[in-house]
Amino acid sequence: GNNSGAMAINFAINLRPSRIILLGFDLGYVAGKSHYHDTHQTITDRSVYETLFKPSFEALADESMNLGVKIFNCSFDSQFKRFPIRSINEFL
């Protein structure tokens, strides 16, 4: 992967859990911001999500399916739709 989120998911997939629950994986701008927190040093250009980040997540989606690892995204504002979007309450 080419971003910290993709690297973390890749690491988790390699541990072979039955499922992975994602929090905060919007993969795009929300409320005009590229990051939830204000301490991030640089603003991610909108094109980076389409040209770099989403293709990495596509590969992770394929890999997880091949290995039988289910990934659920608990970010309702997510711009990436390959992982089913669910409420975190379903997993608590």
Protein backbone atom coordinates (compact mmCIF):
# COMPACT_ATOMS: atom_id res chain seq x y z
CA GLY A 1 0.00 0.00 0.00
CA ASN A 2 0.99 3.60 -0.41
CA ASN A 3 -0.61 5.02 2.73
CA SER A 4 -0.69 4.16 6.42
CA GLY A 5 -4.28 2.92 6.35
CA ALA A 6 -3.59 0.47 3.53
CA MET A 7 -0.45 -0.74 5.27
CA ALA A 8 -2.37 -1.36 8.50
CA ILE A 9 -5.09 -3.28 6.67
CA ASN A 10 -2.51 -5.32 4.79
CA PHE A 11 -0.82 -6.20 8.09
CA ALA A 12 -4.16 -7.23 9.58
CA ILE A 13 -5.06 -9.36 6.54
CA ASN A 14 -1.80 -11.24 6.91
CA LEU A 15 -2.78 -12.17 10.47
CA ARG A 16 -5.75 -14.00 8.87
CA PRO A 17 -8.60 -12.82 11.11
CA SER A 18 -12.15 -13.75 10.17
CA ARG A 19 -13.05 -10.07 9.91
CA ILE A 20 -11.56 -6.58 10.07
CA ILE A 21 -13.54 -3.55 11.23
CA LEU A 22 -12.46 -0.15 9.84
CA LEU A 23 -13.08 3.15 11.60
CA GLY A 24 -12.43 6.51 9.95
CA PHE A 25 -11.61 5.24 6.45
CA ASP A 26 -13.32 7.97 4.44
CA LEU A 27 -10.88 7.97 1.49
CA GLY A 28 -11.91 11.44 0.52
CA TYR A 29 -12.81 14.86 1.80
CA VAL A 30 -15.42 15.16 4.53
CA ALA A 31 -16.71 18.58 5.55
CA GLY A 32 -14.02 20.15 3.34
CA LYS A 33 -11.15 18.45 5.18
CA SER A 34 -8.76 15.74 4.01
CA HIS A 35 -8.12 14.55 7.58
CA TYR A 36 -10.31 14.41 10.65
CA HIS A 37 -7.66 15.89 12.92
CA ASP A 38 -6.09 19.31 12.48
CA THR A 39 -2.55 18.22 13.36
CA HIS A 40 -1.78 16.57 10.01
CA GLN A 41 1.15 18.43 8.46
CA THR A 42 -0.04 18.42 4.84
CA ILE A 43 -3.38 18.47 3.09
CA THR A 44 -3.92 15.50 0.80
CA ASP A 45 -4.81 16.62 -2.72
CA ARG A 46 -8.19 15.29 -3.84
CA SER A 47 -6.64 13.51 -6.83
CA VAL A 48 -4.43 11.38 -4.57
CA TYR A 49 -7.47 9.51 -3.30
CA GLU A 50 -8.47 8.48 -6.82
CA THR A 51 -5.05 7.84 -8.34
CA LEU A 52 -3.18 6.28 -5.40
CA PHE A 53 -5.24 5.44 -2.34
CA LYS A 54 -8.37 3.85 -3.85
CA PRO A 55 -6.39 1.53 -6.16
CA SER A 56 -4.45 0.28 -3.11
CA PHE A 57 -7.71 -0.41 -1.32
CA GLU A 58 -9.08 -2.19 -4.41
CA ALA A 59 -6.11 -4.56 -4.26
CA LEU A 60 -6.70 -5.10 -0.54
CA ALA A 61 -10.36 -5.85 -1.17
CA ASP A 62 -9.39 -8.51 -3.72
CA GLU A 63 -6.73 -9.97 -1.43
CA SER A 64 -9.05 -10.16 1.56
CA MET A 65 -11.75 -11.88 -0.50
CA ASN A 66 -9.24 -14.44 -1.79
CA LEU A 67 -8.18 -15.21 1.79
CA GLY A 68 -11.70 -15.27 3.24
CA VAL A 69 -11.15 -12.19 5.43
CA LYS A 70 -14.27 -10.04 5.64
CA ILE A 71 -13.67 -6.30 5.93
CA PHE A 72 -16.38 -3.93 7.13
CA ASN A 73 -16.15 -0.14 6.96
CA CYS A 74 -17.83 1.75 9.81
CA SER A 75 -17.36 5.16 8.18
CA PHE A 76 -20.71 6.21 6.71
CA ASP A 77 -19.05 9.05 4.75
CA SER A 78 -16.59 6.71 3.04
CA GLN A 79 -15.94 7.24 -0.65
CA PHE A 80 -14.77 3.63 -0.96
CA LYS A 81 -17.68 1.25 -1.40
CA ARG A 82 -16.00 -2.17 -1.87
CA PHE A 83 -16.12 -2.91 1.85
CA PRO A 84 -19.68 -3.14 3.20
CA ILE A 85 -20.57 -0.12 5.32
CA ARG A 86 -21.96 -1.03 8.71
CA SER A 87 -22.59 0.63 12.05
CA ILE A 88 -19.94 0.02 14.68
CA ASN A 89 -22.82 -0.97 16.99
CA GLU A 90 -23.19 -4.22 15.01
CA PHE A 91 -19.77 -5.28 16.26
CA LEU A 92 -19.89 -4.13 19.89
